[in-house]
Amino acid sequence: MKGTVQIAYWDTEQGAQPPALLGQIKGTPTIRLFKPKKKGKKKAVIDYNGERKTKDMRAFVEVQMPSFVEKVNGVKDLSAFKEKAEKYGLPQALLFTSKASTSPLSKFMSTEFRLRMLLAEVTSTKTNKDVIEKYGITDFPALILIPPVAEGSGGNEVTPIKYEEESFSRHRLHLFFSKHALKEAISLESAKKKKDPPLQKETKKEHPEL
């Protein structure tokens, strides 16, 4: 799980009381997951009660991983995704996949590059037929990245950059995203002040917070 979660342990036999942030520990061994909190919500603390086997514990962590992956189901969703990326000046990454559920690797990348790019999944369904044809996708998985439109370009769509590697490994994907993502994460507050029309707070509801 290296690179996915931070793993630490507290030795209850050392005599000292566990830090308050770990919560109350009634028995050992206790496996507890602390999930990053979302804005306006409390940090999620979840005790693991499954089998003490690598496969089961890993599956538990992967399900609980934060995810900022957008879902594209049809041309209308694609337009909303593009508008959101353009609003904040972010590169767009479109992952075409035949899998219905979001992979742990996609969750990781969406979190690792959050506020530096937007990542969306396009599943190989009838609903996405027009989207898949638009980008000429014939094999799955496939990944394309659309750089942000430069100011003064007249709003013309930029040519997509295709991921050419055969392997969709963590290392290779990270290199690809690092090359094309923004070098610095955007500030949501400054982006909203710059992009949102004045006195039209309702427009913010169209694009949920990144």
N, C-alpha and C. Protein backbone atom coordinates (compact mmCIF):
# COMPACT_ATOMS: atom_id res chain seq x y z
N MET A 1 0.82 -1.22 0.00
CA MET A 1 0.00 0.00 0.00
C MET A 1 0.85 1.27 0.00
N LYS A 2 2.16 1.11 -0.19
CA LYS A 2 3.05 2.27 -0.19
C LYS A 2 2.60 3.28 -1.25
N GLY A 3 2.54 4.54 -0.84
CA GLY A 3 2.12 5.57 -1.77
C GLY A 3 0.61 5.75 -1.81
N THR A 4 -0.12 4.88 -1.12
CA THR A 4 -1.58 4.95 -1.11
C THR A 4 -2.10 5.40 0.25
N VAL A 5 -1.54 4.82 1.30
CA VAL A 5 -1.94 5.18 2.66
C VAL A 5 -0.70 5.31 3.53
N GLN A 6 -0.85 6.07 4.62
CA GLN A 6 0.19 6.14 5.64
C GLN A 6 -0.14 5.09 6.69
N ILE A 7 0.80 4.20 7.00
CA ILE A 7 0.55 3.15 7.98
C ILE A 7 1.47 3.35 9.18
N ALA A 8 0.89 3.34 10.38
CA ALA A 8 1.67 3.50 11.60
C ALA A 8 1.09 2.59 12.67
N TYR A 9 1.84 2.38 13.74
CA TYR A 9 1.33 1.55 14.83
C TYR A 9 1.69 2.17 16.17
N TRP A 10 0.90 1.84 17.18
CA TRP A 10 1.15 2.28 18.55
C TRP A 10 1.31 1.03 19.42
N ASP A 11 2.42 0.95 20.11
CA ASP A 11 2.70 -0.20 20.98
C ASP A 11 2.06 0.03 22.35
N THR A 12 0.98 -0.69 22.63
CA THR A 12 0.26 -0.49 23.89
C THR A 12 1.03 -1.03 25.10
N GLU A 13 2.08 -1.80 24.87
CA GLU A 13 2.83 -2.38 25.97
C GLU A 13 3.95 -1.47 26.48
N GLN A 14 4.09 -0.31 25.86
CA GLN A 14 5.17 0.59 26.29
C GLN A 14 4.81 1.39 27.54
N GLY A 15 3.56 1.29 27.97
CA GLY A 15 3.16 1.93 29.22
C GLY A 15 2.49 3.27 29.06
N ALA A 16 2.84 4.02 28.06
CA ALA A 16 2.27 5.35 27.87
C ALA A 16 0.85 5.27 27.30
N GLN A 17 0.05 6.26 27.63
CA GLN A 17 -1.31 6.32 27.10
C GLN A 17 -1.27 6.75 25.63
N PRO A 18 -2.10 6.13 24.79
CA PRO A 18 -2.14 6.53 23.38
C PRO A 18 -2.59 7.98 23.24
N PRO A 19 -2.13 8.69 22.22
CA PRO A 19 -2.57 10.07 21.99
C PRO A 19 -4.08 10.13 21.83
N ALA A 20 -4.66 11.22 22.26
CA ALA A 20 -6.12 11.38 22.20
C ALA A 20 -6.65 11.27 20.77
N LEU A 21 -5.84 11.69 19.80
CA LEU A 21 -6.30 11.68 18.41
C LEU A 21 -6.54 10.26 17.89
N LEU A 22 -5.96 9.26 18.58
CA LEU A 22 -6.20 7.87 18.16
C LEU A 22 -7.54 7.35 18.64
N GLY A 23 -8.16 8.06 19.58
CA GLY A 23 -9.44 7.61 20.11
C GLY A 23 -9.27 6.55 21.17
N GLN A 24 -10.38 6.08 21.69
CA GLN A 24 -10.35 5.06 22.74
C GLN A 24 -10.06 3.68 22.16
N ILE A 25 -9.12 2.98 22.78
CA ILE A 25 -8.76 1.64 22.33
C ILE A 25 -9.17 0.65 23.41
N LYS A 26 -10.13 -0.20 23.10
CA LYS A 26 -10.67 -1.13 24.09
C LYS A 26 -9.96 -2.47 24.09
N GLY A 27 -9.32 -2.82 23.02
CA GLY A 27 -8.64 -4.11 22.95
C GLY A 27 -7.58 -4.11 21.87
N THR A 28 -6.73 -5.12 21.93
CA THR A 28 -5.68 -5.22 20.93
C THR A 28 -5.71 -6.62 20.30
N PRO A 29 -5.33 -6.75 19.05
CA PRO A 29 -4.96 -5.63 18.16
C PRO A 29 -6.18 -4.88 17.63
N THR A 30 -6.05 -3.59 17.48
CA THR A 30 -7.08 -2.74 16.88
C THR A 30 -6.52 -2.12 15.61
N ILE A 31 -7.27 -2.24 14.53
CA ILE A 31 -6.88 -1.62 13.26
C ILE A 31 -7.89 -0.53 12.96
N ARG A 32 -7.42 0.69 12.87
CA ARG A 32 -8.30 1.85 12.73
C ARG A 32 -7.86 2.71 11.55
N LEU A 33 -8.83 3.10 10.75
CA LEU A 33 -8.53 3.92 9.58
C LEU A 33 -9.06 5.34 9.81
N PHE A 34 -8.21 6.32 9.53
CA PHE A 34 -8.59 7.73 9.63
C PHE A 34 -8.69 8.28 8.21
N LYS A 35 -9.91 8.59 7.81
CA LYS A 35 -10.16 9.05 6.46
C LYS A 35 -10.16 10.58 6.44
N PRO A 36 -9.42 11.18 5.48
CA PRO A 36 -9.37 12.65 5.42
C PRO A 36 -10.77 13.25 5.39
N LYS A 37 -10.95 14.33 6.15
CA LYS A 37 -12.26 14.96 6.22
C LYS A 37 -12.52 15.86 5.03
N LYS A 38 -13.77 15.93 4.65
CA LYS A 38 -14.18 16.85 3.60
C LYS A 38 -14.59 18.17 4.26
N LYS A 39 -14.60 19.20 3.48
CA LYS A 39 -14.90 20.53 4.01
C LYS A 39 -16.25 20.53 4.71
N GLY A 40 -16.27 21.02 5.94
CA GLY A 40 -17.51 21.12 6.69
C GLY A 40 -17.93 19.85 7.39
N LYS A 41 -17.12 18.79 7.29
CA LYS A 41 -17.47 17.51 7.90
C LYS A 41 -16.35 17.05 8.83
N LYS A 42 -16.72 16.17 9.76
CA LYS A 42 -15.73 15.64 10.69
C LYS A 42 -14.91 14.54 10.02
N LYS A 43 -13.71 14.36 10.54
CA LYS A 43 -12.84 13.30 10.03
C LYS A 43 -13.47 11.94 10.30
N ALA A 44 -13.50 11.07 9.32
CA ALA A 44 -14.09 9.74 9.48
C ALA A 44 -13.10 8.81 10.15
N VAL A 45 -13.55 8.13 11.20
CA VAL A 45 -12.73 7.16 11.92
C VAL A 45 -13.45 5.81 11.84
N ILE A 46 -12.80 4.84 11.21
CA ILE A 46 -13.45 3.56 10.94
C ILE A 46 -12.59 2.42 11.47
N ASP A 47 -13.17 1.58 12.30
CA ASP A 47 -12.47 0.40 12.81
C ASP A 47 -12.63 -0.76 11.83
N TYR A 48 -11.55 -1.47 11.61
CA TYR A 48 -11.58 -2.63 10.70
C TYR A 48 -11.94 -3.88 11.50
N ASN A 49 -12.99 -4.58 11.07
CA ASN A 49 -13.45 -5.78 11.76
C ASN A 49 -13.45 -7.02 10.87
N GLY A 50 -12.74 -6.94 9.75
CA GLY A 50 -12.71 -8.06 8.82
C GLY A 50 -11.62 -9.07 9.14
N GLU A 51 -11.39 -9.96 8.18
CA GLU A 51 -10.35 -10.98 8.33
C GLU A 51 -8.98 -10.32 8.39
N ARG A 52 -8.10 -10.86 9.22
CA ARG A 52 -6.74 -10.29 9.35
C ARG A 52 -5.83 -10.92 8.30
N LYS A 53 -6.24 -10.76 7.06
CA LYS A 53 -5.46 -11.26 5.94
C LYS A 53 -5.15 -10.10 4.99
N THR A 54 -4.00 -10.19 4.34
CA THR A 54 -3.55 -9.10 3.48
C THR A 54 -4.60 -8.70 2.45
N LYS A 55 -5.18 -9.68 1.78
CA LYS A 55 -6.15 -9.42 0.71
C LYS A 55 -7.36 -8.66 1.25
N ASP A 56 -7.86 -9.08 2.39
CA ASP A 56 -9.06 -8.45 2.95
C ASP A 56 -8.77 -7.05 3.47
N MET A 57 -7.63 -6.88 4.14
CA MET A 57 -7.28 -5.56 4.68
C MET A 57 -7.01 -4.57 3.56
N ARG A 58 -6.38 -5.06 2.51
CA ARG A 58 -6.10 -4.17 1.36
C ARG A 58 -7.41 -3.74 0.69
N ALA A 59 -8.35 -4.67 0.53
CA ALA A 59 -9.64 -4.34 -0.08
C ALA A 59 -10.38 -3.30 0.75
N PHE A 60 -10.29 -3.40 2.06
CA PHE A 60 -10.92 -2.44 2.96
C PHE A 60 -10.37 -1.04 2.74
N VAL A 61 -9.06 -0.94 2.67
CA VAL A 61 -8.42 0.37 2.47
C VAL A 61 -8.76 0.95 1.10
N GLU A 62 -8.76 0.11 0.08
CA GLU A 62 -9.02 0.59 -1.27
C GLU A 62 -10.44 1.13 -1.42
N VAL A 63 -11.40 0.51 -0.73
CA VAL A 63 -12.78 0.99 -0.77
C VAL A 63 -12.89 2.35 -0.09
N GLN A 64 -12.13 2.55 0.98
CA GLN A 64 -12.21 3.78 1.76
C GLN A 64 -11.36 4.92 1.21
N MET A 65 -10.57 4.65 0.20
CA MET A 65 -9.70 5.70 -0.36
C MET A 65 -10.52 6.89 -0.88
N PRO A 66 -10.07 8.11 -0.61
CA PRO A 66 -10.75 9.29 -1.18
C PRO A 66 -10.69 9.24 -2.71
N SER A 67 -11.71 9.75 -3.35
CA SER A 67 -11.73 9.75 -4.81
C SER A 67 -12.29 11.07 -5.32
N PHE A 68 -11.59 11.66 -6.29
CA PHE A 68 -12.05 12.88 -6.93
C PHE A 68 -12.22 12.64 -8.43
N VAL A 69 -12.48 11.38 -8.77
CA VAL A 69 -12.69 11.00 -10.17
C VAL A 69 -14.10 11.39 -10.59
N GLU A 70 -14.21 12.13 -11.67
CA GLU A 70 -15.52 12.49 -12.23
C GLU A 70 -16.04 11.31 -13.06
N LYS A 71 -17.34 11.26 -13.24
CA LYS A 71 -17.95 10.22 -14.06
C LYS A 71 -18.60 10.87 -15.28
N VAL A 72 -18.25 10.40 -16.46
CA VAL A 72 -18.84 10.90 -17.69
C VAL A 72 -19.78 9.84 -18.24
N ASN A 73 -21.06 10.17 -18.31
CA ASN A 73 -22.06 9.29 -18.89
C ASN A 73 -22.81 10.05 -19.98
N GLY A 74 -22.20 10.11 -21.14
CA GLY A 74 -22.83 10.78 -22.25
C GLY A 74 -22.24 12.14 -22.56
N VAL A 75 -22.65 12.70 -23.69
CA VAL A 75 -22.12 13.97 -24.18
C VAL A 75 -22.41 15.12 -23.23
N LYS A 76 -23.58 15.10 -22.59
CA LYS A 76 -23.95 16.17 -21.68
C LYS A 76 -22.99 16.23 -20.49
N ASP A 77 -22.64 15.06 -19.94
CA ASP A 77 -21.69 15.01 -18.83
C ASP A 77 -20.30 15.48 -19.27
N LEU A 78 -19.93 15.12 -20.50
CA LEU A 78 -18.63 15.53 -21.02
C LEU A 78 -18.57 17.06 -21.12
N SER A 79 -19.64 17.67 -21.58
CA SER A 79 -19.68 19.13 -21.70
C SER A 79 -19.54 19.79 -20.33
N ALA A 80 -20.23 19.22 -19.33
CA ALA A 80 -20.15 19.77 -17.97
C ALA A 80 -18.74 19.63 -17.41
N PHE A 81 -18.11 18.49 -17.71
CA PHE A 81 -16.74 18.24 -17.25
C PHE A 81 -15.78 19.25 -17.88
N LYS A 82 -15.94 19.48 -19.18
CA LYS A 82 -15.07 20.40 -19.90
C LYS A 82 -15.27 21.84 -19.39
N GLU A 83 -16.51 22.21 -19.14
CA GLU A 83 -16.80 23.54 -18.63
C GLU A 83 -16.15 23.75 -17.26
N LYS A 84 -16.22 22.73 -16.44
CA LYS A 84 -15.64 22.82 -15.11
C LYS A 84 -14.12 22.99 -15.19
N ALA A 85 -13.48 22.20 -16.07
CA ALA A 85 -12.03 22.30 -16.24
C ALA A 85 -11.64 23.67 -16.78
N GLU A 86 -12.39 24.16 -17.75
CA GLU A 86 -12.09 25.46 -18.35
C GLU A 86 -12.30 26.59 -17.35
N LYS A 87 -13.29 26.44 -16.50
CA LYS A 87 -13.57 27.47 -15.49
C LYS A 87 -12.37 27.68 -14.58
N TYR A 88 -11.71 26.58 -14.20
CA TYR A 88 -10.58 26.67 -13.28
C TYR A 88 -9.23 26.63 -13.98
N GLY A 89 -9.24 26.54 -15.32
CA GLY A 89 -7.99 26.52 -16.06
C GLY A 89 -7.19 25.25 -15.84
N LEU A 90 -7.87 24.11 -15.73
CA LEU A 90 -7.22 22.84 -15.43
C LEU A 90 -7.12 21.93 -16.66
N PRO A 91 -6.04 21.16 -16.77
CA PRO A 91 -5.96 20.12 -17.81
C PRO A 91 -7.04 19.06 -17.55
N GLN A 92 -7.49 18.42 -18.62
CA GLN A 92 -8.51 17.39 -18.51
C GLN A 92 -7.92 16.02 -18.86
N ALA A 93 -8.07 15.07 -17.97
CA ALA A 93 -7.63 13.70 -18.24
C ALA A 93 -8.87 12.82 -18.36
N LEU A 94 -8.99 12.14 -19.49
CA LEU A 94 -10.12 11.24 -19.73
C LEU A 94 -9.61 9.81 -19.81
N LEU A 95 -10.06 9.00 -18.87
CA LEU A 95 -9.69 7.59 -18.84
C LEU A 95 -10.85 6.75 -19.37
N PHE A 96 -10.63 6.10 -20.50
CA PHE A 96 -11.64 5.23 -21.10
C PHE A 96 -11.41 3.81 -20.59
N THR A 97 -12.43 3.25 -19.94
CA THR A 97 -12.26 1.95 -19.30
C THR A 97 -13.48 1.05 -19.52
N SER A 98 -13.24 -0.25 -19.47
CA SER A 98 -14.33 -1.21 -19.60
C SER A 98 -14.84 -1.66 -18.23
N LYS A 99 -14.21 -1.16 -17.15
CA LYS A 99 -14.60 -1.55 -15.80
C LYS A 99 -15.65 -0.59 -15.25
N ALA A 100 -16.64 -1.16 -14.56
CA ALA A 100 -17.73 -0.34 -14.03
C ALA A 100 -17.32 0.44 -12.79
N SER A 101 -16.44 -0.11 -11.98
CA SER A 101 -16.04 0.54 -10.73
C SER A 101 -14.70 1.26 -10.90
N THR A 102 -14.52 2.30 -10.10
CA THR A 102 -13.28 3.08 -10.15
C THR A 102 -12.15 2.31 -9.49
N SER A 103 -11.03 2.20 -10.16
CA SER A 103 -9.90 1.46 -9.63
C SER A 103 -9.18 2.26 -8.54
N PRO A 104 -8.51 1.56 -7.61
CA PRO A 104 -7.72 2.26 -6.58
C PRO A 104 -6.66 3.17 -7.20
N LEU A 105 -6.09 2.76 -8.33
CA LEU A 105 -5.06 3.57 -8.98
C LEU A 105 -5.65 4.89 -9.47
N SER A 106 -6.87 4.85 -10.02
CA SER A 106 -7.52 6.08 -10.48
C SER A 106 -7.83 6.99 -9.30
N LYS A 107 -8.29 6.39 -8.20
CA LYS A 107 -8.56 7.18 -6.98
C LYS A 107 -7.29 7.87 -6.51
N PHE A 108 -6.20 7.12 -6.51
CA PHE A 108 -4.92 7.67 -6.06
C PHE A 108 -4.49 8.84 -6.93
N MET A 109 -4.57 8.67 -8.25
CA MET A 109 -4.15 9.73 -9.16
C MET A 109 -5.03 10.97 -9.03
N SER A 110 -6.33 10.76 -8.82
CA SER A 110 -7.24 11.90 -8.70
C SER A 110 -6.94 12.70 -7.43
N THR A 111 -6.48 12.02 -6.40
CA THR A 111 -6.13 12.68 -5.14
C THR A 111 -4.75 13.32 -5.23
N GLU A 112 -3.81 12.59 -5.82
CA GLU A 112 -2.42 13.06 -5.94
C GLU A 112 -2.34 14.34 -6.77
N PHE A 113 -3.16 14.44 -7.82
CA PHE A 113 -3.10 15.60 -8.71
C PHE A 113 -4.31 16.50 -8.57
N ARG A 114 -4.99 16.41 -7.45
CA ARG A 114 -6.15 17.26 -7.21
C ARG A 114 -5.75 18.73 -7.24
N LEU A 115 -6.59 19.53 -7.88
CA LEU A 115 -6.38 20.97 -8.05
C LEU A 115 -5.23 21.28 -9.01
N ARG A 116 -4.70 20.24 -9.67
CA ARG A 116 -3.69 20.44 -10.71
C ARG A 116 -4.21 19.92 -12.05
N MET A 117 -5.27 19.11 -12.01
CA MET A 117 -5.93 18.62 -13.22
C MET A 117 -7.24 17.97 -12.79
N LEU A 118 -8.11 17.71 -13.77
CA LEU A 118 -9.36 17.01 -13.51
C LEU A 118 -9.30 15.65 -14.21
N LEU A 119 -9.68 14.60 -13.48
CA LEU A 119 -9.67 13.25 -14.04
C LEU A 119 -11.09 12.72 -14.11
N ALA A 120 -11.47 12.19 -15.27
CA ALA A 120 -12.80 11.61 -15.45
C ALA A 120 -12.69 10.23 -16.05
N GLU A 121 -13.64 9.37 -15.70
CA GLU A 121 -13.73 8.03 -16.27
C GLU A 121 -14.87 7.98 -17.28
N VAL A 122 -14.58 7.35 -18.41
CA VAL A 122 -15.59 7.14 -19.44
C VAL A 122 -15.69 5.64 -19.66
N THR A 123 -16.78 5.03 -19.21
CA THR A 123 -16.94 3.58 -19.34
C THR A 123 -17.45 3.22 -20.73
N SER A 124 -17.13 2.01 -21.15
CA SER A 124 -17.50 1.55 -22.50
C SER A 124 -18.96 1.08 -22.53
N THR A 125 -19.87 2.05 -22.46
CA THR A 125 -21.30 1.77 -22.49
C THR A 125 -21.95 2.44 -23.70
N LYS A 126 -23.20 2.08 -23.98
CA LYS A 126 -23.92 2.69 -25.09
C LYS A 126 -24.09 4.19 -24.87
N THR A 127 -24.26 4.58 -23.63
CA THR A 127 -24.44 5.99 -23.30
C THR A 127 -23.23 6.82 -23.73
N ASN A 128 -22.06 6.20 -23.67
CA ASN A 128 -20.82 6.91 -24.01
C ASN A 128 -20.35 6.66 -25.44
N LYS A 129 -21.19 6.06 -26.26
CA LYS A 129 -20.81 5.73 -27.63
C LYS A 129 -20.31 6.96 -28.39
N ASP A 130 -21.03 8.08 -28.30
CA ASP A 130 -20.64 9.28 -29.02
C ASP A 130 -19.34 9.88 -28.47
N VAL A 131 -19.15 9.78 -27.16
CA VAL A 131 -17.93 10.30 -26.54
C VAL A 131 -16.73 9.50 -27.00
N ILE A 132 -16.90 8.18 -27.01
CA ILE A 132 -15.81 7.28 -27.42
C ILE A 132 -15.44 7.51 -28.88
N GLU A 133 -16.45 7.67 -29.73
CA GLU A 133 -16.20 7.93 -31.14
C GLU A 133 -15.57 9.29 -31.37
N LYS A 134 -15.95 10.26 -30.58
CA LYS A 134 -15.42 11.63 -30.70
C LYS A 134 -13.90 11.63 -30.59
N TYR A 135 -13.36 10.79 -29.70
CA TYR A 135 -11.92 10.75 -29.48
C TYR A 135 -11.25 9.56 -30.16
N GLY A 136 -12.00 8.83 -30.97
CA GLY A 136 -11.43 7.74 -31.75
C GLY A 136 -10.87 6.60 -30.91
N ILE A 137 -11.52 6.29 -29.81
CA ILE A 137 -11.04 5.22 -28.93
C ILE A 137 -11.54 3.87 -29.44
N THR A 138 -10.63 2.94 -29.63
CA THR A 138 -11.00 1.60 -30.11
C THR A 138 -10.61 0.50 -29.14
N ASP A 139 -9.62 0.76 -28.31
CA ASP A 139 -9.17 -0.24 -27.33
C ASP A 139 -9.25 0.34 -25.92
N PHE A 140 -9.52 -0.56 -24.97
CA PHE A 140 -9.61 -0.16 -23.56
C PHE A 140 -8.59 -0.94 -22.73
N PRO A 141 -7.98 -0.32 -21.74
CA PRO A 141 -8.15 1.08 -21.36
C PRO A 141 -7.38 2.01 -22.28
N ALA A 142 -7.80 3.26 -22.27
CA ALA A 142 -7.12 4.30 -23.04
C ALA A 142 -7.18 5.59 -22.24
N LEU A 143 -6.19 6.42 -22.44
CA LEU A 143 -6.11 7.66 -21.67
C LEU A 143 -5.68 8.80 -22.58
N ILE A 144 -6.40 9.90 -22.51
CA ILE A 144 -6.01 11.10 -23.24
C ILE A 144 -6.01 12.28 -22.28
N LEU A 145 -5.19 13.26 -22.59
CA LEU A 145 -5.12 14.46 -21.77
C LEU A 145 -5.31 15.69 -22.65
N ILE A 146 -6.17 16.59 -22.23
CA ILE A 146 -6.45 17.80 -22.98
C ILE A 146 -5.92 18.99 -22.20
N PRO A 147 -4.87 19.63 -22.70
CA PRO A 147 -4.30 20.79 -22.00
C PRO A 147 -5.31 21.93 -21.93
N PRO A 148 -5.17 22.81 -20.95
CA PRO A 148 -6.08 23.96 -20.88
C PRO A 148 -5.87 24.89 -22.06
N VAL A 149 -6.94 25.55 -22.47
CA VAL A 149 -6.87 26.49 -23.59
C VAL A 149 -6.12 27.73 -23.14
N ALA A 150 -5.11 28.10 -23.89
CA ALA A 150 -4.32 29.27 -23.54
C ALA A 150 -5.11 30.55 -23.79
N GLU A 151 -4.87 31.55 -22.95
CA GLU A 151 -5.54 32.84 -23.12
C GLU A 151 -5.12 33.48 -24.44
N GLY A 152 -6.09 34.05 -25.13
CA GLY A 152 -5.79 34.70 -26.39
C GLY A 152 -5.81 33.77 -27.59
N SER A 153 -6.19 32.50 -27.36
CA SER A 153 -6.22 31.53 -28.46
C SER A 153 -7.56 31.50 -29.17
N GLY A 154 -8.49 32.30 -28.67
CA GLY A 154 -9.80 32.34 -29.31
C GLY A 154 -10.72 31.22 -28.89
N GLY A 155 -10.32 30.45 -27.87
CA GLY A 155 -11.18 29.39 -27.36
C GLY A 155 -11.17 28.12 -28.18
N ASN A 156 -10.25 28.02 -29.15
CA ASN A 156 -10.18 26.82 -29.97
C ASN A 156 -9.73 25.62 -29.13
N GLU A 157 -10.34 24.47 -29.37
CA GLU A 157 -10.02 23.26 -28.61
C GLU A 157 -8.61 22.78 -28.92
N VAL A 158 -7.90 22.40 -27.88
CA VAL A 158 -6.52 21.94 -28.01
C VAL A 158 -6.52 20.47 -28.42
N THR A 159 -5.53 20.08 -29.23
CA THR A 159 -5.41 18.68 -29.66
C THR A 159 -5.09 17.79 -28.46
N PRO A 160 -5.88 16.72 -28.24
CA PRO A 160 -5.64 15.83 -27.10
C PRO A 160 -4.29 15.12 -27.20
N ILE A 161 -3.68 14.86 -26.07
CA ILE A 161 -2.42 14.12 -25.99
C ILE A 161 -2.74 12.71 -25.53
N LYS A 162 -2.37 11.72 -26.34
CA LYS A 162 -2.70 10.34 -26.01
C LYS A 162 -1.59 9.69 -25.20
N TYR A 163 -1.99 8.92 -24.21
CA TYR A 163 -1.05 8.14 -23.40
C TYR A 163 -0.63 6.93 -24.23
N GLU A 164 0.64 6.86 -24.61
CA GLU A 164 1.11 5.85 -25.56
C GLU A 164 1.71 4.60 -24.90
N GLU A 165 1.93 4.63 -23.59
CA GLU A 165 2.56 3.49 -22.92
C GLU A 165 1.61 2.28 -22.90
N GLU A 166 2.18 1.08 -23.01
CA GLU A 166 1.37 -0.14 -22.95
C GLU A 166 0.93 -0.44 -21.52
N SER A 167 1.78 -0.09 -20.56
CA SER A 167 1.50 -0.38 -19.17
C SER A 167 0.82 0.79 -18.48
N PHE A 168 -0.25 0.49 -17.75
CA PHE A 168 -0.93 1.50 -16.94
C PHE A 168 -0.48 1.33 -15.49
N SER A 169 0.82 1.36 -15.28
CA SER A 169 1.38 1.19 -13.94
C SER A 169 1.35 2.52 -13.20
N ARG A 170 1.43 2.46 -11.89
CA ARG A 170 1.43 3.67 -11.07
C ARG A 170 2.58 4.60 -11.47
N HIS A 171 3.76 4.02 -11.67
CA HIS A 171 4.94 4.82 -11.99
C HIS A 171 4.78 5.56 -13.31
N ARG A 172 4.36 4.85 -14.36
CA ARG A 172 4.25 5.46 -15.68
C ARG A 172 3.13 6.50 -15.74
N LEU A 173 2.01 6.20 -15.08
CA LEU A 173 0.91 7.16 -15.06
C LEU A 173 1.30 8.42 -14.30
N HIS A 174 2.03 8.23 -13.22
CA HIS A 174 2.46 9.37 -12.42
C HIS A 174 3.39 10.27 -13.25
N LEU A 175 4.28 9.67 -14.00
CA LEU A 175 5.17 10.45 -14.86
C LEU A 175 4.38 11.23 -15.91
N PHE A 176 3.39 10.58 -16.51
CA PHE A 176 2.57 11.20 -17.55
C PHE A 176 1.79 12.38 -16.99
N PHE A 177 1.14 12.17 -15.85
CA PHE A 177 0.36 13.24 -15.24
C PHE A 177 1.26 14.38 -14.74
N SER A 178 2.41 14.02 -14.20
CA SER A 178 3.34 15.04 -13.70
C SER A 178 3.79 15.97 -14.83
N LYS A 179 3.93 15.40 -16.02
CA LYS A 179 4.38 16.17 -17.18
C LYS A 179 3.33 17.16 -17.65
N HIS A 180 2.05 16.77 -17.54
CA HIS A 180 1.00 17.58 -18.15
C HIS A 180 0.10 18.31 -17.15
N ALA A 181 0.16 17.96 -15.88
CA ALA A 181 -0.64 18.65 -14.88
C ALA A 181 -0.04 20.03 -14.60
N LEU A 182 -0.83 20.90 -13.99
CA LEU A 182 -0.30 22.20 -13.58
C LEU A 182 0.83 21.99 -12.58
N LYS A 183 1.84 22.85 -12.64
CA LYS A 183 2.97 22.72 -11.73
C LYS A 183 2.58 23.06 -10.30
N GLU A 184 1.64 23.99 -10.16
CA GLU A 184 1.17 24.39 -8.84
C GLU A 184 -0.33 24.20 -8.76
N ALA A 185 -0.81 23.76 -7.60
CA ALA A 185 -2.25 23.58 -7.40
C ALA A 185 -2.94 24.93 -7.40
N ILE A 186 -4.12 24.98 -7.97
CA ILE A 186 -4.87 26.23 -8.00
C ILE A 186 -5.49 26.50 -6.64
N SER A 187 -5.80 27.75 -6.38
CA SER A 187 -6.52 28.14 -5.17
C SER A 187 -7.98 28.27 -5.55
N LEU A 188 -8.83 27.49 -4.90
CA LEU A 188 -10.25 27.53 -5.23
C LEU A 188 -10.85 28.91 -4.99
N GLU A 189 -10.47 29.54 -3.91
CA GLU A 189 -11.04 30.84 -3.59
C GLU A 189 -10.67 31.89 -4.64
N SER A 190 -9.39 31.91 -5.03
CA SER A 190 -8.97 32.89 -6.03
C SER A 190 -9.57 32.58 -7.39
N ALA A 191 -9.72 31.28 -7.69
CA ALA A 191 -10.31 30.88 -8.98
C ALA A 191 -11.76 31.31 -9.05
N LYS A 192 -12.49 31.17 -7.95
CA LYS A 192 -13.90 31.55 -7.95
C LYS A 192 -14.07 33.05 -8.10
N LYS A 193 -13.20 33.81 -7.41
CA LYS A 193 -13.29 35.26 -7.50
C LYS A 193 -12.99 35.74 -8.91
N LYS A 194 -12.07 35.02 -9.58
CA LYS A 194 -11.66 35.42 -10.93
C LYS A 194 -12.66 35.01 -11.99
N LYS A 195 -13.25 33.82 -11.83
CA LYS A 195 -14.09 33.27 -12.89
C LYS A 195 -15.57 33.57 -12.73
N ASP A 196 -16.07 33.57 -11.49
CA ASP A 196 -17.50 33.70 -11.29
C ASP A 196 -17.98 35.12 -11.59
N PRO A 197 -19.09 35.27 -12.32
CA PRO A 197 -19.64 36.60 -12.58
C PRO A 197 -20.05 37.23 -11.25
N PRO A 198 -19.85 38.52 -11.04
CA PRO A 198 -20.23 39.16 -9.79
C PRO A 198 -21.73 39.13 -9.57
N LEU A 199 -22.11 38.97 -8.30
CA LEU A 199 -23.52 39.01 -7.88
C LEU A 199 -24.35 37.88 -8.48
N GLN A 200 -23.72 36.81 -8.94
CA GLN A 200 -24.46 35.67 -9.48
C GLN A 200 -23.99 34.41 -8.77
N LYS A 201 -24.27 34.35 -7.48
CA LYS A 201 -23.81 33.24 -6.65
C LYS A 201 -24.41 31.92 -7.10
N GLU A 202 -25.58 31.97 -7.76
CA GLU A 202 -26.23 30.73 -8.18
C GLU A 202 -25.38 29.91 -9.14
N THR A 203 -24.52 30.58 -9.92
CA THR A 203 -23.73 29.87 -10.92
C THR A 203 -22.75 28.91 -10.28
N LYS A 204 -22.38 29.12 -9.01
CA LYS A 204 -21.42 28.25 -8.34
C LYS A 204 -21.99 26.85 -8.15
N LYS A 205 -23.32 26.75 -8.11
CA LYS A 205 -23.95 25.45 -7.90
C LYS A 205 -23.76 24.54 -9.12
N GLU A 206 -23.48 25.13 -10.27
CA GLU A 206 -23.34 24.32 -11.47
C GLU A 206 -22.10 23.45 -11.44
N HIS A 207 -21.08 23.89 -10.71
CA HIS A 207 -19.82 23.14 -10.65
C HIS A 207 -19.47 22.87 -9.19
N PRO A 208 -19.77 21.68 -8.67
CA PRO A 208 -19.44 21.36 -7.29
C PRO A 208 -17.96 21.61 -7.03
N GLU A 209 -17.64 21.87 -5.80
CA GLU A 209 -16.24 22.14 -5.43
C GLU A 209 -15.34 21.01 -5.83
N LEU A 210 -14.18 21.32 -6.34
CA LEU A 210 -13.26 20.31 -6.86
C LEU A 210 -12.77 19.39 -5.76
